[in-house]
Protein backbone atom coordinates (compact mmCIF):
# COMPACT_ATOMS: atom_id res chain seq x y z
CA UNK A 1 199.15 132.31 199.45
CA UNK A 2 200.48 130.05 196.75
CA UNK A 3 198.75 126.90 197.91
CA UNK A 4 196.52 125.39 200.49
CA UNK A 5 196.52 121.68 199.83
CA UNK A 6 193.53 119.50 199.12
CA UNK A 7 193.74 117.89 202.56
CA UNK A 8 193.11 121.24 204.33
CA UNK A 9 190.09 121.89 202.12
CA UNK A 10 188.86 118.36 202.80
CA UNK A 11 189.02 118.93 206.56
CA UNK A 12 187.23 122.27 206.24
CA UNK A 13 184.45 120.75 204.13
CA UNK A 14 184.13 117.81 206.49
CA UNK A 15 183.87 120.06 209.54
CA UNK A 16 181.26 122.22 207.84
CA UNK A 17 179.18 119.25 206.72
CA UNK A 18 179.26 117.53 210.09
CA UNK A 19 178.52 120.81 211.86
CA UNK A 20 175.52 121.44 209.64
CA UNK A 21 174.28 117.94 210.36
CA UNK A 22 174.70 118.37 214.10
CA UNK A 23 173.22 121.86 214.38
CA UNK A 24 169.46 121.09 214.27
CA UNK A 25 169.70 118.37 216.88
CA UNK A 26 172.03 120.46 219.04
CA UNK A 27 169.71 123.46 219.09
CA UNK A 28 166.98 121.24 220.45
CA UNK A 29 169.12 119.77 223.20
CA UNK A 30 168.94 122.76 225.52
CA UNK A 31 169.69 120.75 228.59
CA UNK A 32 172.98 119.46 227.22
CA UNK A 33 173.92 122.86 225.86
CA UNK A 34 173.24 124.55 229.19
CA UNK A 35 175.56 122.29 231.14
CA UNK A 36 178.91 124.11 231.64
CA UNK A 37 182.24 122.36 231.82
CA UNK A 38 183.88 121.77 235.16
CA UNK A 39 186.33 124.58 236.02
CA UNK A 40 189.50 122.56 235.68
CA UNK A 41 188.45 121.08 232.36
CA UNK A 42 187.36 124.45 231.04
CA UNK A 43 190.76 125.82 232.00
CA UNK A 44 192.49 123.11 230.02
CA UNK A 45 190.36 123.87 227.00
CA UNK A 46 191.15 127.57 227.24
CA UNK A 47 194.75 126.77 226.31
CA UNK A 48 194.54 125.73 222.64
CA UNK A 49 197.97 124.05 222.37
CA UNK A 50 197.22 121.77 225.30
CA UNK A 51 194.88 119.74 223.09
CA UNK A 52 197.98 117.91 221.90
CA UNK A 53 198.58 116.55 225.36
CA UNK A 54 195.97 116.87 228.05
CA UNK A 55 192.93 117.05 225.83
CA UNK A 56 193.99 114.04 223.79
CA UNK A 57 194.55 111.98 226.88
CA UNK A 58 191.33 112.95 228.66
CA UNK A 59 188.38 114.47 226.77
CA UNK A 60 186.73 117.46 228.41
CA UNK A 61 183.52 117.02 230.34
CA UNK A 62 181.41 118.85 227.75
CA UNK A 63 182.64 116.51 225.05
CA UNK A 64 181.70 113.47 227.10
CA UNK A 65 178.25 114.82 227.93
CA UNK A 66 177.63 115.62 224.30
CA UNK A 67 177.83 111.92 223.50
CA UNK A 68 175.01 111.21 225.93
CA UNK A 69 173.12 108.38 224.21
CA UNK A 70 174.81 106.98 221.12
CA UNK A 71 173.04 104.49 218.88
CA UNK A 72 172.97 100.84 219.88
CA UNK A 73 175.48 99.88 217.21
CA UNK A 74 177.85 102.56 218.49
CA UNK A 75 177.51 101.18 222.01
CA UNK A 76 178.35 97.71 220.74
CA UNK A 77 181.37 98.98 218.84
CA UNK A 78 182.62 100.93 221.87
CA UNK A 79 182.22 97.89 224.09
CA UNK A 80 184.13 95.74 221.63
CA UNK A 81 186.94 98.31 221.37
CA UNK A 82 187.13 98.57 225.17
CA UNK A 83 187.37 94.79 225.53
CA UNK A 84 190.00 94.59 222.80
CA UNK A 85 192.09 97.29 224.49
CA UNK A 86 191.96 95.48 227.84
CA UNK A 87 191.81 91.78 226.92
CA UNK A 88 193.14 90.54 230.27
CA UNK A 89 193.28 92.22 233.71
CA UNK A 90 197.06 92.58 233.61
CA UNK A 91 197.43 94.15 230.15
CA UNK A 92 195.89 97.10 228.30
CA UNK A 93 196.85 99.06 225.22
CA UNK A 94 195.77 101.97 223.04
CA UNK A 95 196.65 103.86 219.87
CA UNK A 96 195.93 107.07 218.04
CA UNK A 97 196.42 108.59 214.59
CA UNK A 98 196.80 112.34 214.11
CA UNK A 99 196.58 113.86 210.61
CA UNK A 100 197.54 117.50 210.17
CA UNK A 101 197.87 119.95 207.32
CA UNK A 102 199.83 123.10 208.22
CA UNK A 103 200.50 126.28 206.30
CA UNK A 104 203.08 128.93 207.27
CA UNK A 105 203.49 132.36 205.73
CA UNK A 106 206.30 134.80 206.58
CA UNK A 107 207.32 133.12 209.82
CA UNK A 108 210.35 135.41 209.85
CA UNK A 109 208.05 138.39 209.14
CA UNK A 110 209.96 138.89 205.89
CA UNK A 111 208.19 138.28 202.59
CA UNK A 112 211.45 138.72 200.71
CA UNK A 113 213.49 136.08 202.52
CA UNK A 114 215.94 134.48 200.07
CA UNK A 115 215.23 130.81 199.51
CA UNK A 116 218.66 129.85 200.83
CA UNK A 117 217.81 131.51 204.16
CA UNK A 118 214.74 129.40 204.89
CA UNK A 119 212.04 130.54 202.51
CA UNK A 120 208.82 132.44 203.05
CA UNK A 121 205.94 130.00 202.46
CA UNK A 122 205.50 126.40 203.53
CA UNK A 123 202.64 123.91 203.29
CA UNK A 124 203.10 120.40 204.62
CA UNK A 125 201.20 117.44 205.98
CA UNK A 126 202.05 115.61 209.20
CA UNK A 127 201.10 112.01 209.92
CA UNK A 128 201.64 110.94 213.51
CA UNK A 129 200.82 107.51 214.94
CA UNK A 130 201.26 106.32 218.52
CA UNK A 131 200.84 102.97 220.23
CA UNK A 132 201.04 102.46 223.98
CA UNK A 133 200.61 99.66 226.47
CA UNK A 134 200.60 99.00 230.21
CA UNK A 135 201.65 95.69 231.70
CA UNK A 136 200.69 95.05 235.36
CA UNK A 137 202.46 91.85 236.49
CA UNK A 138 201.48 92.38 240.15
CA UNK A 139 199.31 94.86 242.00
CA UNK A 140 200.70 98.42 242.20
CA UNK A 141 203.39 97.74 239.60
CA UNK A 142 202.99 99.04 236.03
CA UNK A 143 205.33 98.82 233.06
CA UNK A 144 204.44 101.53 230.53
CA UNK A 145 205.58 101.78 226.92
CA UNK A 146 204.66 104.17 224.09
CA UNK A 147 206.10 104.26 220.57
CA UNK A 148 205.62 107.24 218.25
CA UNK A 149 206.24 107.94 214.58
CA UNK A 150 205.55 111.00 212.48
CA UNK A 151 206.25 111.52 208.81
CA UNK A 152 205.80 114.64 206.71
CA UNK A 153 205.10 115.57 203.12
CA UNK A 154 206.01 119.05 201.84
CA UNK A 155 203.68 120.23 199.09
CA UNK A 156 205.21 123.74 199.27
CA UNK A 157 208.71 124.39 200.61
CA UNK A 158 209.54 127.66 198.83
CA UNK A 159 212.27 126.20 196.65
CA UNK A 160 214.31 124.58 199.40
CA UNK A 161 216.74 121.96 198.00
CA UNK A 162 215.69 118.38 198.68
CA UNK A 163 219.03 117.71 200.34
CA UNK A 164 217.95 120.18 203.02
CA UNK A 165 214.21 119.58 203.02
CA UNK A 166 213.01 116.43 201.21
CA UNK A 167 209.49 116.35 199.80
CA UNK A 168 208.87 113.21 201.85
CA UNK A 169 210.30 113.16 205.37
CA UNK A 170 210.17 109.65 206.72
CA UNK A 171 210.55 110.92 210.28
CA UNK A 172 211.91 109.08 213.27
CA UNK A 173 210.42 106.28 215.32
CA UNK A 174 210.83 107.16 218.97
CA UNK A 175 210.18 105.37 222.22
CA UNK A 176 208.64 108.37 223.94
CA UNK A 177 207.45 106.57 227.08
CA UNK A 178 209.21 103.68 228.81
CA UNK A 179 208.85 103.64 232.57
CA UNK A 180 208.20 101.62 235.69
CA UNK A 181 205.47 102.97 237.96
CA UNK A 182 205.22 101.84 241.58
CA UNK A 183 202.26 102.91 243.73
CA UNK A 184 201.57 102.53 247.46
CA UNK A 185 205.23 101.72 248.08
CA UNK A 186 205.59 99.85 251.36
CA UNK A 187 201.95 100.56 252.13
CA UNK A 188 202.61 104.31 252.11
CA UNK A 189 201.00 106.98 249.88
CA UNK A 190 204.21 107.16 247.82
CA UNK A 191 204.26 106.75 244.04
CA UNK A 192 207.43 106.45 241.97
CA UNK A 193 207.69 106.71 238.19
CA UNK A 194 211.12 105.76 236.89
CA UNK A 195 212.21 106.20 233.28
CA UNK A 196 210.91 108.05 230.23
CA UNK A 197 207.62 109.80 231.01
CA UNK A 198 205.45 112.85 230.35
CA UNK A 199 205.41 115.49 233.11
CA UNK A 200 203.09 118.49 233.37
CA UNK A 201 203.20 120.67 236.48
CA UNK A 202 200.58 123.33 237.12
CA UNK A 203 199.49 124.88 233.82
CA UNK A 204 202.67 123.72 232.08
CA UNK A 205 204.14 127.22 232.14
CA UNK A 206 207.65 126.05 233.10
CA UNK A 207 207.36 122.25 233.01
CA UNK A 208 205.61 120.55 230.12
CA UNK A 209 207.87 119.69 227.15
CA UNK A 210 211.29 118.10 227.55
CA UNK A 211 211.85 117.80 223.78
CA UNK A 212 210.99 121.17 222.16
CA UNK A 213 212.98 120.67 218.96
CA UNK A 214 210.78 117.88 217.60
CA UNK A 215 207.61 119.96 217.72
CA UNK A 216 204.64 118.01 219.04
CA UNK A 217 206.06 114.60 218.14
CA UNK A 218 207.09 113.90 221.75
CA UNK A 219 207.07 115.67 225.13
CA UNK A 220 209.02 113.21 227.25
CA UNK A 221 211.42 113.57 230.16
CA UNK A 222 214.02 110.98 231.15
CA UNK A 223 213.35 111.28 234.84
CA UNK A 224 212.66 109.78 238.24
CA UNK A 225 209.52 111.21 239.85
CA UNK A 226 208.39 110.58 243.42
CA UNK A 227 204.97 111.79 244.57
CA UNK A 228 203.88 111.69 248.22
CA UNK A 229 200.19 112.25 248.93
CA UNK A 230 199.51 113.83 252.34
CA UNK A 231 195.75 113.33 252.27
CA UNK A 232 195.18 114.55 255.82
CA UNK A 233 196.23 118.07 254.80
CA UNK A 234 195.22 117.86 251.10
CA UNK A 235 198.82 118.25 249.98
CA UNK A 236 200.99 116.45 247.45
CA UNK A 237 204.77 116.70 247.26
CA UNK A 238 206.62 115.94 244.01
CA UNK A 239 210.37 115.40 243.93
CA UNK A 240 211.75 114.97 240.39
CA UNK A 241 215.20 114.33 238.96
CA UNK A 242 215.71 114.91 235.21
CA UNK A 243 218.59 113.63 233.07
CA UNK A 244 217.98 114.74 229.48
CA UNK A 245 220.34 114.15 226.55
CA UNK A 246 220.34 116.45 223.52
CA UNK A 247 219.93 113.45 221.24
CA UNK A 248 217.09 112.09 223.35
CA UNK A 249 218.91 108.82 223.90
CA UNK A 250 219.60 108.71 227.62
CA UNK A 251 216.96 106.03 228.36
CA UNK A 252 216.23 104.79 224.82
CA UNK A 253 217.73 105.55 221.43
CA UNK A 254 215.37 106.21 218.49
CA UNK A 255 214.34 103.05 216.66
CA UNK A 256 214.60 104.87 213.32
CA UNK A 257 216.33 108.17 212.57
CA UNK A 258 215.00 111.04 210.47
CA UNK A 259 216.23 111.05 206.86
CA UNK A 260 217.12 114.76 207.14
CA UNK A 261 220.28 113.89 209.07
CA UNK A 262 221.91 115.29 212.20
CA UNK A 263 220.60 118.81 211.67
CA UNK A 264 217.21 117.52 212.82
CA UNK A 265 218.57 114.94 215.22
CA UNK A 266 218.59 116.77 218.55
CA UNK A 267 215.40 117.05 220.59
CA UNK A 268 217.01 119.87 222.62
CA UNK A 269 220.12 122.02 222.12
CA UNK A 270 221.98 120.92 225.25
CA UNK A 271 222.38 118.06 227.70
CA UNK A 272 220.35 118.85 230.80
CA UNK A 273 220.17 117.79 234.42
CA UNK A 274 217.47 119.10 236.69
CA UNK A 275 215.85 118.85 240.10
CA UNK A 276 212.29 119.92 240.88
CA UNK A 277 210.51 120.14 244.22
CA UNK A 278 206.82 120.98 243.79
CA UNK A 279 204.33 121.23 246.69
CA UNK A 280 200.60 121.55 245.91
CA UNK A 281 198.00 122.27 248.59
CA UNK A 282 194.18 122.18 248.23
CA UNK A 283 193.16 122.76 251.84
CA UNK A 284 191.13 125.85 250.92
CA UNK A 285 187.91 125.06 249.11
CA UNK A 286 188.01 125.73 245.36
CA UNK A 287 191.63 126.89 245.54
CA UNK A 288 195.03 125.36 244.87
CA UNK A 289 198.26 126.92 246.15
CA UNK A 290 201.59 125.63 244.83
CA UNK A 291 205.17 126.44 245.69
CA UNK A 292 208.26 125.15 243.93
CA UNK A 293 212.01 125.16 243.49
CA UNK A 294 213.73 124.12 240.26
CA UNK A 295 217.37 123.66 239.36
CA UNK A 296 218.56 123.22 235.79
CA UNK A 297 222.13 122.54 234.68
CA UNK A 298 222.98 122.77 230.97
CA UNK A 299 225.90 121.62 228.83
CA UNK A 300 225.90 122.72 225.21
CA UNK A 301 225.60 120.13 222.44
CA UNK A 302 227.04 120.81 218.98
CA UNK A 303 225.61 117.73 217.27
CA UNK A 304 222.68 119.64 215.85
CA UNK A 305 223.80 121.77 212.91
CA UNK A 306 220.70 123.91 212.39
CA UNK A 307 221.52 127.54 211.68
CA UNK A 308 220.75 129.98 214.49
CA UNK A 309 219.09 127.38 216.71
CA UNK A 310 222.04 124.97 216.84
CA UNK A 311 224.02 125.88 219.95
CA UNK A 312 222.68 125.32 223.38
CA UNK A 313 223.43 127.01 226.66
CA UNK A 314 226.10 126.32 229.24
CA UNK A 315 225.34 127.20 232.82
CA UNK A 316 222.89 126.64 235.64
CA UNK A 317 219.63 128.22 236.77
CA UNK A 318 217.89 128.31 240.16
CA UNK A 319 214.16 129.08 240.13
CA UNK A 320 211.78 129.82 243.00
CA UNK A 321 208.11 130.23 242.21
CA UNK A 322 204.52 130.08 243.42
CA UNK A 323 201.17 129.48 241.77
CA UNK A 324 197.52 129.71 242.72
CA UNK A 325 194.42 128.67 240.77
CA UNK A 326 190.76 128.17 241.52
CA UNK A 327 187.23 129.50 241.29
CA UNK A 328 185.44 132.35 243.09
CA UNK A 329 181.68 132.15 243.36
CA UNK A 330 179.69 130.50 240.61
CA UNK A 331 181.15 132.34 237.64
CA UNK A 332 184.78 133.34 238.17
CA UNK A 333 187.89 131.30 237.44
CA UNK A 334 191.46 132.49 237.97
CA UNK A 335 195.10 131.47 237.94
CA UNK A 336 198.36 133.31 238.62
CA UNK A 337 201.98 132.21 238.74
CA UNK A 338 205.27 134.01 239.29
CA UNK A 339 208.91 132.87 239.32
CA UNK A 340 212.33 134.42 240.00
CA UNK A 341 215.48 133.01 238.38
CA UNK A 342 219.16 133.44 239.15
CA UNK A 343 222.37 131.65 238.19
CA UNK A 344 224.95 131.93 235.43
CA UNK A 345 224.68 131.27 231.73
CA UNK A 346 226.65 131.42 228.49
CA UNK A 347 225.35 130.65 225.02
CA UNK A 348 223.16 132.05 222.28
CA UNK A 349 220.38 133.21 224.60
CA UNK A 350 219.42 136.39 222.72
CA UNK A 351 221.30 135.55 219.51
CA UNK A 352 221.56 137.89 216.52
CA UNK A 353 219.93 137.16 213.20
CA UNK A 354 223.27 136.14 211.67
CA UNK A 355 223.57 133.17 214.01
CA UNK A 356 224.35 132.21 217.59
CA UNK A 357 226.57 134.52 219.59
CA UNK A 358 228.79 132.73 222.11
CA UNK A 359 228.46 135.19 224.95
CA UNK A 360 230.87 134.89 227.87
CA UNK A 361 229.56 133.77 231.23
CA UNK A 362 227.11 136.22 232.66
CA UNK A 363 224.92 136.39 235.73
CA UNK A 364 221.26 135.55 235.26
CA UNK A 365 218.67 137.64 237.10
CA UNK A 366 215.18 137.27 235.64
CA UNK A 367 211.50 137.30 236.55
CA UNK A 368 208.31 135.98 234.97
CA UNK A 369 204.59 136.19 235.70
CA UNK A 370 201.58 134.53 234.05
CA UNK A 371 197.88 134.97 234.86
CA UNK A 372 194.30 134.64 233.69
CA UNK A 373 190.90 135.80 234.93
CA UNK A 374 187.82 134.27 233.31
CA UNK A 375 184.08 134.79 233.66
CA UNK A 376 181.81 131.79 233.00
CA UNK A 377 178.33 132.90 231.93
CA UNK A 378 176.93 129.37 232.35
CA UNK A 379 174.29 129.97 229.72
CA UNK A 380 172.98 127.77 226.93
CA UNK A 381 175.98 128.50 224.71
CA UNK A 382 178.51 128.08 227.53
CA UNK A 383 179.94 131.57 226.88
CA UNK A 384 183.23 132.37 228.61
CA UNK A 385 185.22 135.61 228.55
CA UNK A 386 188.81 135.93 229.73
CA UNK A 387 191.68 138.33 230.13
CA UNK A 388 195.30 137.20 230.37
CA UNK A 389 198.50 138.97 231.32
CA UNK A 390 202.01 137.58 231.04
CA UNK A 391 205.41 139.13 231.68
CA UNK A 392 208.76 137.58 230.76
CA UNK A 393 211.73 139.84 231.49
CA UNK A 394 214.12 140.69 228.67
CA UNK A 395 217.86 141.20 228.61
CA UNK A 396 218.88 144.82 229.23
CA UNK A 397 221.66 145.58 226.71
CA UNK A 398 223.09 148.26 229.04
CA UNK A 399 223.98 145.84 231.87
CA UNK A 400 227.23 144.20 230.87
CA UNK A 401 227.86 140.80 232.44
CA UNK A 402 224.21 140.32 233.46
CA UNK A 403 221.40 138.64 231.55
CA UNK A 404 217.86 139.57 232.58
CA UNK A 405 216.21 137.38 229.94
CA UNK A 406 213.73 134.96 231.52
CA UNK A 407 214.27 131.27 230.72
CA UNK A 408 211.16 129.14 230.17
CA UNK A 409 213.06 126.07 231.44
CA UNK A 410 210.99 123.08 230.23
CA UNK A 411 208.08 125.24 229.07
CA UNK A 412 209.02 125.71 225.40
CA UNK A 413 205.74 124.68 223.80
CA UNK A 414 202.99 126.64 221.99
CA UNK A 415 201.16 127.80 225.11
CA UNK A 416 199.14 130.58 223.53
CA UNK A 417 200.11 130.41 219.87
CA UNK A 418 201.85 128.40 217.17
CA UNK A 419 203.06 131.19 214.88
CA UNK A 420 205.44 133.06 217.19
CA UNK A 421 207.02 129.81 218.31
CA UNK A 422 208.47 129.47 214.83
CA UNK A 423 209.22 133.15 214.25
CA UNK A 424 211.46 133.48 217.33
CA UNK A 425 214.14 131.37 215.67
CA UNK A 426 213.49 132.78 212.19
CA UNK A 427 214.01 136.38 213.33
CA UNK A 428 217.03 135.51 215.49
CA UNK A 429 215.49 136.46 218.84
CA UNK A 430 215.91 133.01 220.32
CA UNK A 431 215.34 129.34 219.74
CA UNK A 432 212.13 127.63 218.70
CA UNK A 433 209.27 128.35 221.14
CA UNK A 434 211.55 130.44 223.34
CA UNK A 435 209.96 133.85 223.05
CA UNK A 436 210.79 135.97 226.11
CA UNK A 437 211.30 139.75 226.56
CA UNK A 438 207.53 140.01 226.57
CA UNK A 439 204.51 141.83 227.95
CA UNK A 440 201.36 140.04 226.75
CA UNK A 441 197.84 141.34 227.31
CA UNK A 442 195.11 139.16 225.78
CA UNK A 443 191.33 139.22 225.57
CA UNK A 444 189.48 136.02 224.69
CA UNK A 445 186.06 134.46 224.27
CA UNK A 446 184.90 130.85 224.01
CA UNK A 447 181.45 129.45 223.32
CA UNK A 448 179.66 126.36 222.04
CA UNK A 449 177.41 127.45 219.13
CA UNK A 450 175.92 123.96 219.12
CA UNK A 451 176.55 120.55 220.57
CA UNK A 452 180.08 119.14 220.15
CA UNK A 453 181.48 122.35 218.67
CA UNK A 454 183.62 124.94 220.44
CA UNK A 455 184.97 128.22 219.03
CA UNK A 456 187.71 130.12 220.87
CA UNK A 457 189.00 133.55 219.79
CA UNK A 458 191.89 135.46 221.41
CA UNK A 459 193.44 138.82 220.57
CA UNK A 460 196.92 139.37 222.05
CA UNK A 461 198.71 142.72 222.35
CA UNK A 462 202.44 142.08 222.62
CA UNK A 463 205.13 144.44 223.90
CA UNK A 464 208.89 144.18 224.47
CA UNK A 465 210.23 145.62 227.76
CA UNK A 466 213.75 145.76 226.28
CA UNK A 467 215.22 146.28 222.82
CA UNK A 468 218.47 144.28 222.80
CA UNK A 469 218.67 143.87 219.01
CA UNK A 470 218.02 147.47 217.93
CA UNK A 471 221.72 147.99 217.22
CA UNK A 472 221.48 145.65 214.20
CA UNK A 473 220.75 148.31 211.61
CA UNK A 474 218.93 146.90 208.58
CA UNK A 475 218.37 143.53 210.26
CA UNK A 476 214.69 143.97 211.00
CA UNK A 477 214.59 145.54 214.49
CA UNK A 478 214.00 149.17 215.36
CA UNK A 479 216.23 151.07 217.74
CA UNK A 480 213.55 152.30 220.12
CA UNK A 481 210.27 150.53 219.32
CA UNK A 482 208.57 148.52 222.07
CA UNK A 483 205.29 147.34 220.48
CA UNK A 484 205.78 143.85 219.09
CA UNK A 485 202.39 143.73 217.44
CA UNK A 486 198.96 142.09 217.53
CA UNK A 487 198.28 138.37 217.38
CA UNK A 488 194.84 137.05 216.44
CA UNK A 489 194.16 133.38 217.19
CA UNK A 490 190.97 131.46 216.31
CA UNK A 491 190.25 127.82 217.13
CA UNK A 492 187.30 125.70 216.02
CA UNK A 493 187.04 122.31 217.73
CA UNK A 494 184.68 119.50 216.84
CA UNK A 495 184.13 116.30 218.86
CA UNK A 496 182.51 113.84 216.47
CA UNK A 497 182.45 111.04 219.04
CA UNK A 498 184.60 109.69 221.85
CA UNK A 499 187.14 108.38 219.32
CA UNK A 500 187.24 111.05 216.62
CA UNK A 501 187.99 114.77 216.96
CA UNK A 502 188.94 117.58 214.60
CA UNK A 503 190.01 121.19 214.80
CA UNK A 504 190.96 124.19 212.68
CA UNK A 505 193.42 126.91 213.74
CA UNK A 506 193.96 130.32 212.16
CA UNK A 507 196.63 132.71 213.48
CA UNK A 508 197.70 136.10 212.12
CA UNK A 509 200.45 138.34 213.46
CA UNK A 510 200.66 142.05 212.58
CA UNK A 511 204.12 143.44 213.51
CA UNK A 512 204.45 146.68 215.47
CA UNK A 513 207.24 149.24 215.75
CA UNK A 514 209.56 146.83 217.60
CA UNK A 515 210.28 145.41 214.15
CA UNK A 516 211.56 147.29 211.09
CA UNK A 517 212.08 146.56 207.41
CA UNK A 518 212.49 143.97 206.06
CA UNK A 519 210.85 142.19 209.04
CA UNK A 520 207.62 144.13 209.05
CA UNK A 521 205.29 141.84 207.08
CA UNK A 522 202.25 140.00 208.40
CA UNK A 523 202.80 136.39 209.42
CA UNK A 524 200.18 133.61 209.23
CA UNK A 525 199.73 130.06 210.43
CA UNK A 526 196.84 127.75 209.45
CA UNK A 527 196.18 124.16 210.51
CA UNK A 528 193.58 121.48 210.06
CA UNK A 529 193.66 118.36 212.22
CA UNK A 530 191.78 115.08 212.42
CA UNK A 531 192.56 112.74 215.31
CA UNK A 532 191.31 109.22 215.98
CA UNK A 533 191.93 107.43 219.29
CA UNK A 534 191.38 103.77 220.11
């Protein structure tokens, strides 16, 4: 590694110092340490990437309990901040600042990548700020607004020209939430949210991020969502219409554009229209059963000029799926979800490493499955062990005119890792965070070594059911290999107080025989984060 900047080292030292300070007191607080998290909250924490969304919005139960009795001056400060954030009954606001230092090594699994083709080693800092507000002019009517900005500084960009990758990236200022929310419409249990909004359905497997090209800057959907709550049968029905523009300007245009130009301008590769019907039932104790239908129509956008990832898809996809999640007894937690897709598609889905391939129209027939089984020890260290299995069908190169590659729809976010989300586009297998053609078997463990600290470790074994790129001799894929490799992911999370959190992430990928020279080098991703919320 050529460099790990001073800010990463600062975060590491800070975490170590604070952890050492907390440890003696934590070891004496057996009662707090013995209290396990609620199942749903534990499930959210088991998915590392979700900390950017769910965990930031609503701290987990263990984190809240850990702050049991703060000092009197902390109470006074919290009370003042709460009053300032809600100065009058009809208006409230909030803000957060997220500081990150990220390091990438061999994201394309090629240590010898020429600089002109994207480089091999990157180290950069990300500075994201958000401000949001809710105005309630009358009862059951909310006007919501959130504005986001993120800038970057590249301390290592592997010789990339500044015209392509400036040292300082001023970033864009986006309106990433702007909606009208109506509740109890006409005295009924109907809620409508109209405009730009965040949407997460189930575990976020297929519906979570409407803007995958801007990383974790935004997640929004330009949508109309109607939720009907049938309390008598413990069922909710969501009907959603999505109208998403590649430039992210259907509801609101960016207030300030990125100084890197159009090549980083699109939040997705195509204009999209979608319909979702999602029914969730909780009639059975400790169990949720969901069923859904999704329709997605896509029209390619050519505004974005990024190599490989530029072109979007044309076509339409129908998806039928079901999901169940819950607990069994005092110690077991589970979830499982499956979906079948059909339709027609044309575009670079399954592109070669030389760039997008404009395939002719082909039929889509694909299947996906995602599951987890976890055991909660409920001991003093809150130990949890889990096993996960995921299957995303891959395109069979022998079936002309048919594409079996599973589409993640609006689920292109780092669900179980950060590293492979980048490497998919670097190796030419797909677009950013669009890794399919996958069998994934993972074993994980989470525990709280002391109060306010959580450590999660996962080892993933990855396989490819198909080998559609083996014909590209010398391009980095083997002709018959099916073992993608091993992915090791380690998270350390620290909750300093209700306003300040930090984490470290280390990921390492060791390629298997699915890959070949020159794409057979280890890849790495490291991150340190500090986040403050008002």
